[in-house]
C-alpha atoms as a PDB file:
ATOM      1  CA  UNK A   1      66.944  72.916   8.388  1.00  0.00           C
ATOM      2  CA  UNK A   2      67.773  73.005  11.987  1.00  0.00           C
ATOM      3  CA  UNK A   3      67.254  70.294  14.297  1.00  0.00           C
ATOM      4  CA  UNK A   4      64.421  70.566  16.613  1.00  0.00           C
ATOM      5  CA  UNK A   5      66.208  68.983  19.515  1.00  0.00           C
ATOM      6  CA  UNK A   6      69.296  71.252  19.020  1.00  0.00           C
ATOM      7  CA  UNK A   7      66.506  74.136  19.299  1.00  0.00           C
ATOM      8  CA  UNK A   8      64.971  72.906  22.701  1.00  0.00           C
ATOM      9  CA  UNK A   9      68.507  72.342  24.034  1.00  0.00           C
ATOM     10  CA  UNK A  10      69.253  76.092  23.180  1.00  0.00           C
ATOM     11  CA  UNK A  11      66.019  77.055  24.768  1.00  0.00           C
ATOM     12  CA  UNK A  12      67.008  74.997  27.704  1.00  0.00           C
ATOM     13  CA  UNK A  13      70.497  76.263  27.875  1.00  0.00           C
ATOM     14  CA  UNK A  14      68.995  80.077  27.483  1.00  0.00           C
ATOM     15  CA  UNK A  15      66.592  79.408  30.414  1.00  0.00           C
ATOM     16  CA  UNK A  16      69.281  78.228  32.692  1.00  0.00           C
ATOM     17  CA  UNK A  17      71.586  80.961  31.708  1.00  0.00           C
ATOM     18  CA  UNK A  18      68.698  83.404  32.479  1.00  0.00           C
ATOM     19  CA  UNK A  19      67.872  81.692  35.710  1.00  0.00           C
ATOM     20  CA  UNK A  20      71.499  81.657  36.854  1.00  0.00           C
ATOM     21  CA  UNK A  21      71.851  85.516  35.767  1.00  0.00           C
ATOM     22  CA  UNK A  22      68.901  86.515  37.929  1.00  0.00           C
ATOM     23  CA  UNK A  23      69.989  84.531  41.015  1.00  0.00           C
ATOM     24  CA  UNK A  24      73.596  86.155  40.453  1.00  0.00           C
ATOM     25  CA  UNK A  25      71.810  89.588  40.219  1.00  0.00           C
ATOM     26  CA  UNK A  26      70.024  89.037  43.478  1.00  0.00           C
ATOM     27  CA  UNK A  27      73.085  87.614  45.234  1.00  0.00           C
ATOM     28  CA  UNK A  28      75.228  90.500  43.966  1.00  0.00           C
ATOM     29  CA  UNK A  29      72.396  93.037  45.446  1.00  0.00           C
ATOM     30  CA  UNK A  30      72.353  91.208  48.542  1.00  0.00           C
ATOM     31  CA  UNK A  31      75.893  91.524  48.866  1.00  0.00           C
ATOM     32  CA  UNK A  32      76.192  95.044  47.864  1.00  0.00           C
ATOM     33  CA  UNK A  33      73.212  95.766  50.368  1.00  0.00           C
ATOM     34  CA  UNK A  34      75.172  94.122  53.121  1.00  0.00           C
ATOM     35  CA  UNK A  35      78.696  95.988  52.076  1.00  0.00           C
ATOM     36  CA  UNK A  36      77.121  99.385  51.800  1.00  0.00           C
ATOM     37  CA  UNK A  37      75.459  98.638  55.353  1.00  0.00           C
ATOM     38  CA  UNK A  38      79.221  97.641  56.784  1.00  0.00           C
ATOM     39  CA  UNK A  39      80.665 100.665  54.988  1.00  0.00           C
ATOM     40  CA  UNK A  40      78.112 103.073  56.471  1.00  0.00           C
ATOM     41  CA  UNK A  41      78.692 101.424  60.220  1.00  0.00           C
ATOM     42  CA  UNK A  42      82.630 101.699  59.460  1.00  0.00           C
ATOM     43  CA  UNK A  43      82.258 105.158  58.674  1.00  0.00           C
ATOM     44  CA  UNK A  44      79.991 105.785  61.621  1.00  0.00           C
ATOM     45  CA  UNK A  45      82.578 104.137  63.767  1.00  0.00           C
ATOM     46  CA  UNK A  46      85.512 106.410  62.083  1.00  0.00           C
ATOM     47  CA  UNK A  47      83.523 109.382  62.604  1.00  0.00           C
ATOM     48  CA  UNK A  48      83.370 108.603  66.718  1.00  0.00           C
ATOM     49  CA  UNK A  49      86.984 107.793  66.525  1.00  0.00           C
ATOM     50  CA  UNK A  50      87.932 111.035  64.961  1.00  0.00           C
ATOM     51  CA  UNK A  51      85.759 112.841  67.338  1.00  0.00           C
ATOM     52  CA  UNK A  52      87.529 111.428  70.380  1.00  0.00           C
ATOM     53  CA  UNK A  53      91.015 112.131  68.713  1.00  0.00           C
ATOM     54  CA  UNK A  54      89.862 115.561  68.393  1.00  0.00           C
ATOM     55  CA  UNK A  55      88.855 115.861  71.787  1.00  0.00           C
ATOM     56  CA  UNK A  56      92.049 114.134  73.073  1.00  0.00           C
ATOM     57  CA  UNK A  57      93.941 116.599  71.069  1.00  0.00           C
ATOM     58  CA  UNK A  58      92.148 119.604  72.778  1.00  0.00           C
ATOM     59  CA  UNK A  59      92.998 118.089  76.211  1.00  0.00           C
ATOM     60  CA  UNK A  60      96.528 117.535  75.169  1.00  0.00           C
ATOM     61  CA  UNK A  61      96.855 121.163  73.993  1.00  0.00           C
ATOM     62  CA  UNK A  62      95.387 122.238  77.634  1.00  0.00           C
ATOM     63  CA  UNK A  63      97.804 120.038  79.465  1.00  0.00           C
ATOM     64  CA  UNK A  64     100.812 121.303  77.569  1.00  0.00           C
ATOM     65  CA  UNK A  65      99.671 124.960  78.259  1.00  0.00           C
ATOM     66  CA  UNK A  66      99.241 124.114  82.090  1.00  0.00           C
ATOM     67  CA  UNK A  67     102.305 122.418  82.043  1.00  0.00           C
ATOM     68  CA  UNK A  68     104.203 125.051  80.789  1.00  0.00           C
ATOM     69  CA  UNK A  69     102.500 127.892  82.867  1.00  0.00           C
ATOM     70  CA  UNK A  70     103.618 125.467  85.718  1.00  0.00           C
ATOM     71  CA  UNK A  71     106.940 125.426  84.702  1.00  0.00           C
ATOM     72  CA  UNK A  72     107.119 128.935  84.247  1.00  0.00           C
ATOM     73  CA  UNK A  73     105.610 129.754  87.835  1.00  0.00           C
ATOM     74  CA  UNK A  74     108.019 127.094  89.192  1.00  0.00           C
ATOM     75  CA  UNK A  75     110.938 128.722  87.657  1.00  0.00           C
ATOM     76  CA  UNK A  76     109.893 131.945  88.864  1.00  0.00           C
ATOM     77  CA  UNK A  77     109.602 130.711  92.286  1.00  0.00           C
ATOM     78  CA  UNK A  78     112.825 128.984  92.533  1.00  0.00           C
ATOM     79  CA  UNK A  79     114.488 132.320  91.265  1.00  0.00           C
ATOM     80  CA  UNK A  80     112.694 134.271  93.976  1.00  0.00           C
ATOM     81  CA  UNK A  81     113.811 131.666  96.487  1.00  0.00           C
ATOM     82  CA  UNK A  82     117.427 131.641  95.123  1.00  0.00           C
ATOM     83  CA  UNK A  83     117.405 135.397  95.507  1.00  0.00           C
ATOM     84  CA  UNK A  84     115.969 134.924  99.232  1.00  0.00           C
ATOM     85  CA  UNK A  85     118.613 132.259  99.972  1.00  0.00           C
ATOM     86  CA  UNK A  86     121.776 134.490  98.755  1.00  0.00           C
ATOM     87  CA  UNK A  87     120.179 137.528 100.977  1.00  0.00           C
ATOM     88  CA  UNK A  88     119.854 135.134 104.003  1.00  0.00           C
ATOM     89  CA  UNK A  89     123.507 133.665 103.242  1.00  0.00           C
ATOM     90  CA  UNK A  90     124.688 137.460 103.011  1.00  0.00           C
ATOM     91  CA  UNK A  91     122.834 138.153 106.355  1.00  0.00           C
ATOM     92  CA  UNK A  92     124.483 135.279 108.071  1.00  0.00           C
ATOM     93  CA  UNK A  93     127.820 136.256 106.801  1.00  0.00           C
ATOM     94  CA  UNK A  94     127.174 140.234 108.056  1.00  0.00           C
ATOM     95  CA  UNK A  95     125.983 138.883 111.469  1.00  0.00           C
ATOM     96  CA  UNK A  96     129.128 136.384 112.006  1.00  0.00           C
ATOM     97  CA  UNK A  97     131.691 138.921 110.638  1.00  0.00           C
ATOM     98  CA  UNK A  98     129.720 141.827 112.455  1.00  0.00           C
ATOM     99  CA  UNK A  99     128.485 141.754 116.264  1.00  0.00           C
ATOM    100  CA  UNK A 100     128.676 138.104 116.710  1.00  0.00           C
ATOM    101  CA  UNK A 101     132.255 138.105 115.308  1.00  0.00           C
ATOM    102  CA  UNK A 102     132.850 140.862 117.539  1.00  0.00           C
ATOM    103  CA  UNK A 103     131.492 138.854 120.658  1.00  0.00           C
ATOM    104  CA  UNK A 104     133.416 135.622 119.721  1.00  0.00           C
ATOM    105  CA  UNK A 105     136.772 137.628 119.278  1.00  0.00           C
ATOM    106  CA  UNK A 106     136.043 139.420 122.431  1.00  0.00           C
ATOM    107  CA  UNK A 107     135.113 136.087 124.012  1.00  0.00           C
ATOM    108  CA  UNK A 108     138.140 134.632 122.620  1.00  0.00           C
ATOM    109  CA  UNK A 109     140.389 137.517 124.158  1.00  0.00           C
ATOM    110  CA  UNK A 110     138.782 136.924 127.616  1.00  0.00           C
ATOM    111  CA  UNK A 111     139.762 133.123 127.667  1.00  0.00           C
ATOM    112  CA  UNK A 112     143.338 133.770 126.571  1.00  0.00           C
ATOM    113  CA  UNK A 113     143.685 136.289 129.195  1.00  0.00           C
ATOM    114  CA  UNK A 114     142.262 133.632 131.604  1.00  0.00           C
ATOM    115  CA  UNK A 115     144.488 130.986 130.096  1.00  0.00           C
ATOM    116  CA  UNK A 116     147.571 133.094 130.736  1.00  0.00           C
ATOM    117  CA  UNK A 117     146.523 133.880 134.272  1.00  0.00           C
ATOM    118  CA  UNK A 118     145.871 130.463 135.235  1.00  0.00           C
ATOM    119  CA  UNK A 119     148.366 128.764 133.304  1.00  0.00           C
ATOM    120  CA  UNK A 120     150.863 131.212 132.633  1.00  0.00           C
ATOM    121  CA  UNK A 121     150.320 130.755 128.990  1.00  0.00           C
ATOM    122  CA  UNK A 122     150.786 133.790 126.467  1.00  0.00           C
ATOM    123  CA  UNK A 123     150.312 133.131 122.791  1.00  0.00           C
ATOM    124  CA  UNK A 124     149.695 135.859 120.235  1.00  0.00           C
ATOM    125  CA  UNK A 125     145.920 135.538 119.109  1.00  0.00           C
ATOM    126  CA  UNK A 126     145.146 135.539 115.529  1.00  0.00           C
ATOM    127  CA  UNK A 127     142.019 137.625 114.593  1.00  0.00           C
ATOM    128  CA  UNK A 128     138.840 135.776 114.219  1.00  0.00           C
ATOM    129  CA  UNK A 129     138.041 134.388 110.729  1.00  0.00           C
ATOM    130  CA  UNK A 130     134.651 132.820 110.191  1.00  0.00           C
ATOM    131  CA  UNK A 131     135.738 130.882 106.815  1.00  0.00           C
ATOM    132  CA  UNK A 132     138.851 129.601 108.284  1.00  0.00           C
ATOM    133  CA  UNK A 133     139.158 125.954 109.044  1.00  0.00           C
ATOM    134  CA  UNK A 134     139.338 124.883 112.413  1.00  0.00           C
END
Protein backbone atom coordinates (compact mmCIF):
# COMPACT_ATOMS: atom_id res chain seq x y z
CA UNK A 1 0.00 0.00 0.00
CA UNK A 2 0.84 3.55 -0.38
CA UNK A 3 1.44 5.95 2.35
CA UNK A 4 -1.42 8.53 2.75
CA UNK A 5 1.03 11.38 3.34
CA UNK A 6 2.79 10.60 0.12
CA UNK A 7 -0.44 10.80 -1.87
CA UNK A 8 -1.33 14.13 -0.24
CA UNK A 9 2.15 15.39 -0.96
CA UNK A 10 1.91 14.28 -4.59
CA UNK A 11 -1.47 15.99 -4.95
CA UNK A 12 -0.07 19.21 -3.47
CA UNK A 13 2.89 19.07 -5.84
CA UNK A 14 0.55 18.38 -8.77
CA UNK A 15 -1.66 21.32 -7.81
CA UNK A 16 1.36 23.61 -7.47
CA UNK A 17 2.64 22.52 -10.87
CA UNK A 18 -0.76 23.17 -12.45
CA UNK A 19 -0.90 26.65 -10.87
CA UNK A 20 2.63 27.39 -12.08
CA UNK A 21 1.76 26.11 -15.56
CA UNK A 22 -1.35 28.31 -15.65
CA UNK A 23 0.59 31.33 -14.47
CA UNK A 24 3.35 30.60 -16.99
CA UNK A 25 0.81 30.22 -19.85
CA UNK A 26 -0.83 33.51 -18.85
CA UNK A 27 2.49 35.35 -18.73
CA UNK A 28 3.58 33.82 -22.05
CA UNK A 29 0.28 34.88 -23.64
CA UNK A 30 0.75 38.44 -22.36
CA UNK A 31 4.34 38.45 -23.60
CA UNK A 32 3.23 37.07 -26.99
CA UNK A 33 0.50 39.69 -27.25
CA UNK A 34 3.01 42.45 -26.44
CA UNK A 35 5.54 41.09 -28.94
CA UNK A 36 2.91 40.85 -31.67
CA UNK A 37 1.92 44.48 -31.00
CA UNK A 38 5.57 45.57 -31.16
CA UNK A 39 6.08 43.60 -34.38
CA UNK A 40 3.00 45.24 -35.94
CA UNK A 41 4.30 48.68 -34.91
CA UNK A 42 7.78 47.88 -36.27
CA UNK A 43 6.26 46.66 -39.55
CA UNK A 44 4.18 49.85 -39.80
CA UNK A 45 7.28 51.98 -39.24
CA UNK A 46 9.23 49.92 -41.80
CA UNK A 47 6.42 50.49 -44.31
CA UNK A 48 6.69 54.24 -43.65
CA UNK A 49 10.46 54.12 -44.12
CA UNK A 50 10.08 52.14 -47.36
CA UNK A 51 7.54 54.66 -48.63
CA UNK A 52 9.87 57.57 -47.83
CA UNK A 53 12.78 55.70 -49.45
CA UNK A 54 10.75 55.13 -52.62
CA UNK A 55 9.79 58.82 -52.65
CA UNK A 56 13.43 59.84 -52.15
CA UNK A 57 14.57 57.55 -54.96
CA UNK A 58 11.97 59.07 -57.30
CA UNK A 59 13.14 62.59 -56.41
CA UNK A 60 16.78 61.57 -56.96
CA UNK A 61 15.91 60.16 -60.38
CA UNK A 62 14.13 63.41 -61.33
CA UNK A 63 17.11 65.41 -60.06
CA UNK A 64 19.49 63.25 -62.08
CA UNK A 65 17.38 63.80 -65.21
CA UNK A 66 17.27 67.57 -64.64
CA UNK A 67 21.01 67.66 -63.94
CA UNK A 68 21.76 65.70 -67.10
CA UNK A 69 19.49 67.97 -69.13
CA UNK A 70 21.18 71.00 -67.56
CA UNK A 71 24.64 69.68 -68.44
CA UNK A 72 23.54 69.05 -72.01
CA UNK A 73 22.04 72.53 -72.32
CA UNK A 74 25.12 74.11 -70.78
CA UNK A 75 27.45 72.18 -73.09
CA UNK A 76 25.34 73.16 -76.11
CA UNK A 77 25.38 76.83 -75.10
CA UNK A 78 29.12 76.63 -74.43
CA UNK A 79 29.74 75.14 -77.88
CA UNK A 80 27.65 77.91 -79.47
CA UNK A 81 29.49 80.55 -77.47
CA UNK A 82 32.85 79.07 -78.48
CA UNK A 83 31.84 79.26 -82.14
CA UNK A 84 30.75 82.88 -81.71
CA UNK A 85 34.03 83.78 -79.98
CA UNK A 86 35.98 82.09 -82.79
CA UNK A 87 33.98 84.05 -85.40
CA UNK A 88 34.55 87.30 -83.50
CA UNK A 89 38.25 86.52 -83.23
CA UNK A 90 38.36 85.96 -86.98
CA UNK A 91 36.54 89.26 -87.53
CA UNK A 92 39.02 91.11 -85.29
CA UNK A 93 41.93 89.58 -87.22
CA UNK A 94 40.27 90.57 -90.50
CA UNK A 95 39.71 94.10 -89.23
CA UNK A 96 43.31 94.45 -88.08
CA UNK A 97 44.71 93.05 -91.28
CA UNK A 98 42.01 94.73 -93.42
CA UNK A 99 41.00 98.39 -93.42
CA UNK A 100 42.29 99.17 -89.93
CA UNK A 101 45.60 97.56 -90.79
CA UNK A 102 45.72 99.63 -93.98
CA UNK A 103 44.99 102.78 -91.97
CA UNK A 104 47.76 101.93 -89.51
CA UNK A 105 50.22 101.31 -92.36
CA UNK A 106 49.29 104.61 -94.00
CA UNK A 107 49.64 106.48 -90.69
CA UNK A 108 53.03 104.88 -90.14
CA UNK A 109 54.11 105.90 -93.60
CA UNK A 110 52.98 109.49 -93.00
CA UNK A 111 54.83 109.55 -89.66
CA UNK A 112 57.99 108.26 -91.31
CA UNK A 113 57.77 110.89 -94.04
CA UNK A 114 57.18 113.58 -91.43
CA UNK A 115 60.10 112.29 -89.33
CA UNK A 116 62.37 112.32 -92.35
CA UNK A 117 61.39 115.92 -93.14
CA UNK A 118 61.75 117.10 -89.57
CA UNK A 119 64.78 115.09 -88.46
CA UNK A 120 66.29 114.11 -91.76
CA UNK A 121 65.92 110.43 -90.89
CA UNK A 122 65.19 107.94 -93.60
CA UNK A 123 64.78 104.39 -92.43
CA UNK A 124 63.14 101.75 -94.55
CA UNK A 125 59.74 100.84 -93.12
CA UNK A 126 58.62 97.28 -92.61
CA UNK A 127 55.10 96.19 -93.55
CA UNK A 128 52.62 96.17 -90.67
CA UNK A 129 52.23 92.81 -88.92
CA UNK A 130 49.50 92.75 -86.21
CA UNK A 131 51.03 89.62 -84.65
CA UNK A 132 54.57 90.96 -84.34
CA UNK A 133 55.81 91.76 -80.84
CA UNK A 134 56.60 95.36 -80.23
